[in-house]
Amino acid sequence: MITLYGAAASGSVAVEAAMTLLGIRYRLVEGATWIDEEARQRVGTTNPMRQVPTLILPSGDVMTESAAILVWLADSHPDAGLAPAPADARRGQFLRWMTYVATAIYALHWIKPDPARIGAPPDLHVRVVDAVHDRIAECWAIMDGQINPGRYLLGERLTVLDLYVAVVSRFGPWRQRFYAAAPAMAQVVRRVDADPRLADFWKRRFPFAAGWEGD
């Protein structure tokens, strides 16, 4: 069985959502590595970065990086249609935006728990987080201006890109700001949120907190 080191309300939730849609059974090792030293040590035996998600395959091979795992899962189950095939005209844009979300947006969240990671003193923590949130909103707006969604981000079929954006947009600066920065993508992520196949999953693994959608 696949083993996933993950945590509720984290990037691993996108991987869990994909495996849920694919009907893949997996063992979850829960641990919020950004706040829990024991969880960091536990995952550190297989991933020196001590981060989630970390996927251990039945072969013993290790996969890290949420975007890479999502692409691998989709490509390993082509009949599910969770990614454009290599020969599909949409494949280039799929890889472009998967990488963009990972590097331009998701990676910025690494700074927030500890601004010292970029050399900022503790007393500037709030200002650093505010600046990170400003940059994240700007990056969402840049993506929104260059993508032309259909029912989903790449057309009429849900892909792991939709799952990825739906999860990462739940991080700060929260959905209310995401909706304002990325109106073209807003309806897509709401559709993913409401997917009946994932309704119970979202409630368990990444429920909305009060105020995230402007309520």
C-alpha atoms as a PDB file:
ATOM      1  CA  MET A   1       0.000   0.000   0.000  1.00  0.00           C
ATOM      2  CA  ILE A   2       1.108   3.572  -0.654  1.00  0.00           C
ATOM      3  CA  THR A   3       2.077   5.545   2.446  1.00  0.00           C
ATOM      4  CA  LEU A   4       1.518   9.298   2.505  1.00  0.00           C
ATOM      5  CA  TYR A   5       3.022  11.606   5.077  1.00  0.00           C
ATOM      6  CA  GLY A   6       0.560  14.469   5.138  1.00  0.00           C
ATOM      7  CA  ALA A   7      -1.448  16.877   7.242  1.00  0.00           C
ATOM      8  CA  ALA A   8      -4.910  18.368   7.231  1.00  0.00           C
ATOM      9  CA  ALA A   9      -5.125  21.837   5.680  1.00  0.00           C
ATOM     10  CA  SER A  10      -1.790  21.382   3.887  1.00  0.00           C
ATOM     11  CA  GLY A  11      -0.577  20.775   0.367  1.00  0.00           C
ATOM     12  CA  SER A  12      -0.851  17.040   0.913  1.00  0.00           C
ATOM     13  CA  VAL A  13      -4.628  17.461   0.768  1.00  0.00           C
ATOM     14  CA  ALA A  14      -4.431  17.941  -3.009  1.00  0.00           C
ATOM     15  CA  VAL A  15      -2.616  14.608  -3.275  1.00  0.00           C
ATOM     16  CA  GLU A  16      -5.187  12.963  -1.005  1.00  0.00           C
ATOM     17  CA  ALA A  17      -8.001  14.417  -3.128  1.00  0.00           C
ATOM     18  CA  ALA A  18      -6.467  12.980  -6.289  1.00  0.00           C
ATOM     19  CA  MET A  19      -6.064   9.545  -4.710  1.00  0.00           C
ATOM     20  CA  THR A  20      -9.661   9.743  -3.485  1.00  0.00           C
ATOM     21  CA  LEU A  21     -10.912  10.388  -7.023  1.00  0.00           C
ATOM     22  CA  LEU A  22      -8.705   7.594  -8.336  1.00  0.00           C
ATOM     23  CA  GLY A  23      -9.886   5.138  -5.702  1.00  0.00           C
ATOM     24  CA  ILE A  24      -6.341   4.502  -4.457  1.00  0.00           C
ATOM     25  CA  ARG A  25      -6.039   3.071  -0.972  1.00  0.00           C
ATOM     26  CA  TYR A  26      -3.249   4.603   1.081  1.00  0.00           C
ATOM     27  CA  ARG A  27      -1.948   4.763   4.619  1.00  0.00           C
ATOM     28  CA  LEU A  28      -1.841   8.311   5.991  1.00  0.00           C
ATOM     29  CA  VAL A  29       0.820   9.309   8.504  1.00  0.00           C
ATOM     30  CA  GLU A  30      -0.558  12.559   9.921  1.00  0.00           C
ATOM     31  CA  GLY A  31       1.759  15.322  11.062  1.00  0.00           C
ATOM     32  CA  ALA A  32       1.869  19.112  10.643  1.00  0.00           C
ATOM     33  CA  THR A  33       5.581  19.452   9.956  1.00  0.00           C
ATOM     34  CA  TRP A  34       5.525  23.260  10.000  1.00  0.00           C
ATOM     35  CA  ILE A  35       4.645  23.297  13.729  1.00  0.00           C
ATOM     36  CA  ASP A  36       5.453  19.807  15.038  1.00  0.00           C
ATOM     37  CA  GLU A  37       9.094  18.793  15.532  1.00  0.00           C
ATOM     38  CA  GLU A  38       8.124  15.156  16.083  1.00  0.00           C
ATOM     39  CA  ALA A  39       6.341  15.138  12.731  1.00  0.00           C
ATOM     40  CA  ARG A  40       9.412  16.668  11.062  1.00  0.00           C
ATOM     41  CA  GLN A  41      11.647  13.992  12.537  1.00  0.00           C
ATOM     42  CA  ARG A  42       9.250  11.249  11.511  1.00  0.00           C
ATOM     43  CA  VAL A  43       9.081  12.282   7.854  1.00  0.00           C
ATOM     44  CA  GLY A  44      12.786  13.169   7.887  1.00  0.00           C
ATOM     45  CA  THR A  45      13.692   9.492   7.790  1.00  0.00           C
ATOM     46  CA  THR A  46      12.510   9.405   4.174  1.00  0.00           C
ATOM     47  CA  ASN A  47      12.550  13.076   3.107  1.00  0.00           C
ATOM     48  CA  PRO A  48      15.534  15.173   4.254  1.00  0.00           C
ATOM     49  CA  MET A  49      13.473  18.323   3.638  1.00  0.00           C
ATOM     50  CA  ARG A  50      11.181  17.077   6.448  1.00  0.00           C
ATOM     51  CA  GLN A  51       8.084  18.291   4.643  1.00  0.00           C
ATOM     52  CA  VAL A  52       4.711  16.990   3.562  1.00  0.00           C
ATOM     53  CA  PRO A  53       3.559  15.603   1.250  1.00  0.00           C
ATOM     54  CA  THR A  54       5.977  12.702   1.088  1.00  0.00           C
ATOM     55  CA  LEU A  55       4.793   9.604  -0.741  1.00  0.00           C
ATOM     56  CA  ILE A  56       6.288   6.151  -0.213  1.00  0.00           C
ATOM     57  CA  LEU A  57       5.438   3.741  -3.001  1.00  0.00           C
ATOM     58  CA  PRO A  58       5.034  -0.007  -2.491  1.00  0.00           C
ATOM     59  CA  SER A  59       8.420  -0.399  -4.223  1.00  0.00           C
ATOM     60  CA  GLY A  60      10.002   1.736  -1.511  1.00  0.00           C
ATOM     61  CA  ASP A  61      10.639   4.622  -3.897  1.00  0.00           C
ATOM     62  CA  VAL A  62      10.056   8.071  -2.409  1.00  0.00           C
ATOM     63  CA  MET A  63       8.228  10.928  -4.090  1.00  0.00           C
ATOM     64  CA  THR A  64       8.117  14.493  -2.798  1.00  0.00           C
ATOM     65  CA  GLU A  65       6.837  17.831  -4.152  1.00  0.00           C
ATOM     66  CA  SER A  66       3.073  18.064  -4.448  1.00  0.00           C
ATOM     67  CA  ALA A  67       3.025  19.101  -8.116  1.00  0.00           C
ATOM     68  CA  ALA A  68       5.269  16.198  -9.122  1.00  0.00           C
ATOM     69  CA  ILE A  69       3.170  13.709  -7.161  1.00  0.00           C
ATOM     70  CA  LEU A  70      -0.044  15.004  -8.714  1.00  0.00           C
ATOM     71  CA  VAL A  71       1.324  14.787 -12.257  1.00  0.00           C
ATOM     72  CA  TRP A  72       2.675  11.284 -11.564  1.00  0.00           C
ATOM     73  CA  LEU A  73      -0.650  10.095 -10.145  1.00  0.00           C
ATOM     74  CA  ALA A  74      -2.572  11.453 -13.111  1.00  0.00           C
ATOM     75  CA  ASP A  75      -0.159  10.025 -15.677  1.00  0.00           C
ATOM     76  CA  SER A  76      -0.169   6.643 -13.913  1.00  0.00           C
ATOM     77  CA  HIS A  77      -3.957   6.429 -14.342  1.00  0.00           C
ATOM     78  CA  PRO A  78      -4.555   7.854 -17.835  1.00  0.00           C
ATOM     79  CA  ASP A  79      -8.070   6.445 -18.129  1.00  0.00           C
ATOM     80  CA  ALA A  80      -9.206   8.744 -15.304  1.00  0.00           C
ATOM     81  CA  GLY A  81      -8.409  11.817 -17.412  1.00  0.00           C
ATOM     82  CA  LEU A  82      -6.940  13.831 -14.540  1.00  0.00           C
ATOM     83  CA  ALA A  83      -4.218  15.262 -16.801  1.00  0.00           C
ATOM     84  CA  PRO A  84      -3.921  15.930 -20.521  1.00  0.00           C
ATOM     85  CA  ALA A  85      -1.990  13.149 -22.260  1.00  0.00           C
ATOM     86  CA  PRO A  86       1.535  13.988 -23.491  1.00  0.00           C
ATOM     87  CA  ALA A  87       0.273  14.384 -27.060  1.00  0.00           C
ATOM     88  CA  ASP A  88      -2.696  16.553 -26.013  1.00  0.00           C
ATOM     89  CA  ALA A  89      -2.470  20.193 -27.118  1.00  0.00           C
ATOM     90  CA  ARG A  90      -3.259  21.242 -23.561  1.00  0.00           C
ATOM     91  CA  ARG A  91      -0.283  19.396 -22.073  1.00  0.00           C
ATOM     92  CA  GLY A  92       2.116  22.323 -22.276  1.00  0.00           C
ATOM     93  CA  GLN A  93      -0.240  24.669 -20.431  1.00  0.00           C
ATOM     94  CA  PHE A  94      -0.982  21.966 -17.873  1.00  0.00           C
ATOM     95  CA  LEU A  95       2.703  21.593 -17.024  1.00  0.00           C
ATOM     96  CA  ARG A  96       3.214  25.337 -17.137  1.00  0.00           C
ATOM     97  CA  TRP A  97       0.535  26.099 -14.575  1.00  0.00           C
ATOM     98  CA  MET A  98       1.284  23.134 -12.326  1.00  0.00           C
ATOM     99  CA  THR A  99       4.868  24.376 -12.077  1.00  0.00           C
ATOM    100  CA  TYR A 100       3.774  27.993 -11.703  1.00  0.00           C
ATOM    101  CA  VAL A 101       1.484  27.249  -8.747  1.00  0.00           C
ATOM    102  CA  ALA A 102       4.251  25.217  -7.103  1.00  0.00           C
ATOM    103  CA  THR A 103       7.072  27.728  -7.558  1.00  0.00           C
ATOM    104  CA  ALA A 104       5.459  31.160  -7.739  1.00  0.00           C
ATOM    105  CA  ILE A 105       2.749  30.649  -5.103  1.00  0.00           C
ATOM    106  CA  TYR A 106       3.015  27.525  -2.953  1.00  0.00           C
ATOM    107  CA  ALA A 107       6.742  28.021  -2.325  1.00  0.00           C
ATOM    108  CA  LEU A 108       6.110  31.415  -0.713  1.00  0.00           C
ATOM    109  CA  HIS A 109       4.217  29.769   2.141  1.00  0.00           C
ATOM    110  CA  TRP A 110       7.523  28.292   3.340  1.00  0.00           C
ATOM    111  CA  ILE A 111       8.487  31.775   4.545  1.00  0.00           C
ATOM    112  CA  LYS A 112       5.455  32.459   6.704  1.00  0.00           C
ATOM    113  CA  PRO A 113       6.076  30.264   9.776  1.00  0.00           C
ATOM    114  CA  ASP A 114       9.594  31.687  10.259  1.00  0.00           C
ATOM    115  CA  PRO A 115      10.670  34.934   8.537  1.00  0.00           C
ATOM    116  CA  ALA A 116      14.224  34.224   9.693  1.00  0.00           C
ATOM    117  CA  ARG A 117      14.353  31.823   6.771  1.00  0.00           C
ATOM    118  CA  ILE A 118      14.821  34.884   4.550  1.00  0.00           C
ATOM    119  CA  GLY A 119      16.839  36.837   7.114  1.00  0.00           C
ATOM    120  CA  ALA A 120      13.978  38.917   8.527  1.00  0.00           C
ATOM    121  CA  PRO A 121      13.961  39.598  12.296  1.00  0.00           C
ATOM    122  CA  PRO A 122      11.086  38.261  14.433  1.00  0.00           C
ATOM    123  CA  ASP A 123       9.631  41.721  15.025  1.00  0.00           C
ATOM    124  CA  LEU A 124       8.905  41.999  11.293  1.00  0.00           C
ATOM    125  CA  HIS A 125       6.925  38.759  11.161  1.00  0.00           C
ATOM    126  CA  VAL A 126       3.551  40.417  10.539  1.00  0.00           C
ATOM    127  CA  ARG A 127       4.951  42.720   7.853  1.00  0.00           C
ATOM    128  CA  VAL A 128       6.689  39.816   6.107  1.00  0.00           C
ATOM    129  CA  VAL A 129       3.517  37.728   6.070  1.00  0.00           C
ATOM    130  CA  ASP A 130       1.527  40.675   4.733  1.00  0.00           C
ATOM    131  CA  ALA A 131       4.089  41.146   1.959  1.00  0.00           C
ATOM    132  CA  VAL A 132       3.988  37.438   1.127  1.00  0.00           C
ATOM    133  CA  HIS A 133       0.201  37.574   0.925  1.00  0.00           C
ATOM    134  CA  ASP A 134       0.392  40.592  -1.380  1.00  0.00           C
ATOM    135  CA  ARG A 135       2.760  38.717  -3.676  1.00  0.00           C
ATOM    136  CA  ILE A 136       0.583  35.595  -3.661  1.00  0.00           C
ATOM    137  CA  ALA A 137      -2.488  37.639  -4.627  1.00  0.00           C
ATOM    138  CA  GLU A 138      -0.477  39.264  -7.418  1.00  0.00           C
ATOM    139  CA  CYS A 139       0.622  35.856  -8.718  1.00  0.00           C
ATOM    140  CA  TRP A 140      -2.953  34.569  -8.725  1.00  0.00           C
ATOM    141  CA  ALA A 141      -3.978  37.646 -10.708  1.00  0.00           C
ATOM    142  CA  ILE A 142      -1.189  37.037 -13.236  1.00  0.00           C
ATOM    143  CA  MET A 143      -2.336  33.451 -13.749  1.00  0.00           C
ATOM    144  CA  ASP A 144      -5.976  34.492 -13.959  1.00  0.00           C
ATOM    145  CA  GLY A 145      -5.156  36.983 -16.697  1.00  0.00           C
ATOM    146  CA  GLN A 146      -3.557  34.326 -18.878  1.00  0.00           C
ATOM    147  CA  ILE A 147      -5.899  31.395 -18.475  1.00  0.00           C
ATOM    148  CA  ASN A 148      -9.261  30.955 -20.169  1.00  0.00           C
ATOM    149  CA  PRO A 149     -11.223  28.415 -18.121  1.00  0.00           C
ATOM    150  CA  GLY A 150     -14.140  26.397 -19.320  1.00  0.00           C
ATOM    151  CA  ARG A 151     -15.978  24.389 -16.743  1.00  0.00           C
ATOM    152  CA  TYR A 152     -12.500  23.695 -15.329  1.00  0.00           C
ATOM    153  CA  LEU A 153      -9.175  25.450 -15.713  1.00  0.00           C
ATOM    154  CA  LEU A 154      -8.132  23.598 -18.867  1.00  0.00           C
ATOM    155  CA  GLY A 155     -11.544  23.001 -20.380  1.00  0.00           C
ATOM    156  CA  GLU A 156     -14.465  20.731 -19.648  1.00  0.00           C
ATOM    157  CA  ARG A 157     -12.726  18.010 -17.628  1.00  0.00           C
ATOM    158  CA  LEU A 158     -11.391  18.227 -14.092  1.00  0.00           C
ATOM    159  CA  THR A 159      -7.625  17.728 -13.809  1.00  0.00           C
ATOM    160  CA  VAL A 160      -5.184  17.659 -10.918  1.00  0.00           C
ATOM    161  CA  LEU A 161      -4.462  21.321 -11.719  1.00  0.00           C
ATOM    162  CA  ASP A 162      -7.987  22.126 -10.537  1.00  0.00           C
ATOM    163  CA  LEU A 163      -7.402  20.173  -7.330  1.00  0.00           C
ATOM    164  CA  TYR A 164      -4.063  21.914  -6.795  1.00  0.00           C
ATOM    165  CA  VAL A 165      -5.466  25.413  -7.234  1.00  0.00           C
ATOM    166  CA  ALA A 166      -8.524  24.594  -5.100  1.00  0.00           C
ATOM    167  CA  VAL A 167      -6.248  23.555  -2.213  1.00  0.00           C
ATOM    168  CA  VAL A 168      -3.508  26.184  -2.488  1.00  0.00           C
ATOM    169  CA  SER A 169      -6.099  28.961  -2.795  1.00  0.00           C
ATOM    170  CA  ARG A 170      -7.386  27.920   0.640  1.00  0.00           C
ATOM    171  CA  PHE A 171      -4.081  29.041   2.176  1.00  0.00           C
ATOM    172  CA  GLY A 172      -3.529  32.671   3.181  1.00  0.00           C
ATOM    173  CA  PRO A 173      -4.452  35.290   2.035  1.00  0.00           C
ATOM    174  CA  TRP A 174      -7.621  33.173   2.003  1.00  0.00           C
ATOM    175  CA  ARG A 175     -10.327  32.725  -0.531  1.00  0.00           C
ATOM    176  CA  GLN A 176     -11.949  36.152  -0.261  1.00  0.00           C
ATOM    177  CA  ARG A 177      -8.801  37.733  -1.663  1.00  0.00           C
ATOM    178  CA  PHE A 178      -8.296  34.937  -4.172  1.00  0.00           C
ATOM    179  CA  TYR A 179     -11.777  35.559  -5.570  1.00  0.00           C
ATOM    180  CA  ALA A 180     -10.978  39.255  -5.977  1.00  0.00           C
ATOM    181  CA  ALA A 181      -7.583  38.619  -7.597  1.00  0.00           C
ATOM    182  CA  ALA A 182      -8.669  35.724  -9.807  1.00  0.00           C
ATOM    183  CA  PRO A 183     -12.332  36.086 -10.818  1.00  0.00           C
ATOM    184  CA  ALA A 184     -11.986  33.803 -13.848  1.00  0.00           C
ATOM    185  CA  MET A 185     -10.708  30.962 -11.677  1.00  0.00           C
ATOM    186  CA  ALA A 186     -13.098  31.656  -8.794  1.00  0.00           C
ATOM    187  CA  GLN A 187     -16.016  29.761 -10.289  1.00  0.00           C
ATOM    188  CA  VAL A 188     -13.784  26.796 -11.083  1.00  0.00           C
ATOM    189  CA  VAL A 189     -12.519  26.367  -7.533  1.00  0.00           C
ATOM    190  CA  ARG A 190     -16.058  26.747  -6.188  1.00  0.00           C
ATOM    191  CA  ARG A 191     -17.057  23.940  -8.556  1.00  0.00           C
ATOM    192  CA  VAL A 192     -14.230  21.760  -7.255  1.00  0.00           C
ATOM    193  CA  ASP A 193     -15.240  22.573  -3.668  1.00  0.00           C
ATOM    194  CA  ALA A 194     -18.774  21.403  -4.462  1.00  0.00           C
ATOM    195  CA  ASP A 195     -17.831  18.214  -6.303  1.00  0.00           C
ATOM    196  CA  PRO A 196     -20.028  15.546  -4.660  1.00  0.00           C
ATOM    197  CA  ARG A 197     -17.224  12.987  -4.909  1.00  0.00           C
ATOM    198  CA  LEU A 198     -15.147  15.140  -2.564  1.00  0.00           C
ATOM    199  CA  ALA A 199     -17.788  16.681  -0.291  1.00  0.00           C
ATOM    200  CA  ASP A 200     -17.066  14.474   2.728  1.00  0.00           C
ATOM    201  CA  PHE A 201     -13.344  14.572   1.998  1.00  0.00           C
ATOM    202  CA  TRP A 202     -13.153  18.395   2.141  1.00  0.00           C
ATOM    203  CA  LYS A 203     -15.070  18.429   5.430  1.00  0.00           C
ATOM    204  CA  ARG A 204     -12.577  16.035   6.978  1.00  0.00           C
ATOM    205  CA  ARG A 205      -9.315  17.269   5.525  1.00  0.00           C
ATOM    206  CA  PHE A 206      -9.642  20.991   4.790  1.00  0.00           C
ATOM    207  CA  PRO A 207     -12.857  22.575   6.061  1.00  0.00           C
ATOM    208  CA  PHE A 208     -13.246  26.298   5.561  1.00  0.00           C
ATOM    209  CA  ALA A 209     -12.648  28.479   8.613  1.00  0.00           C
ATOM    210  CA  ALA A 210     -14.924  31.425   9.394  1.00  0.00           C
ATOM    211  CA  GLY A 211     -14.049  34.471   7.328  1.00  0.00           C
ATOM    212  CA  TRP A 212     -12.090  32.698   4.587  1.00  0.00           C
ATOM    213  CA  GLU A 213     -14.755  33.442   2.026  1.00  0.00           C
ATOM    214  CA  GLY A 214     -15.717  36.844   3.376  1.00  0.00           C
ATOM    215  CA  ASP A 215     -18.456  35.607   5.676  1.00  0.00           C
END
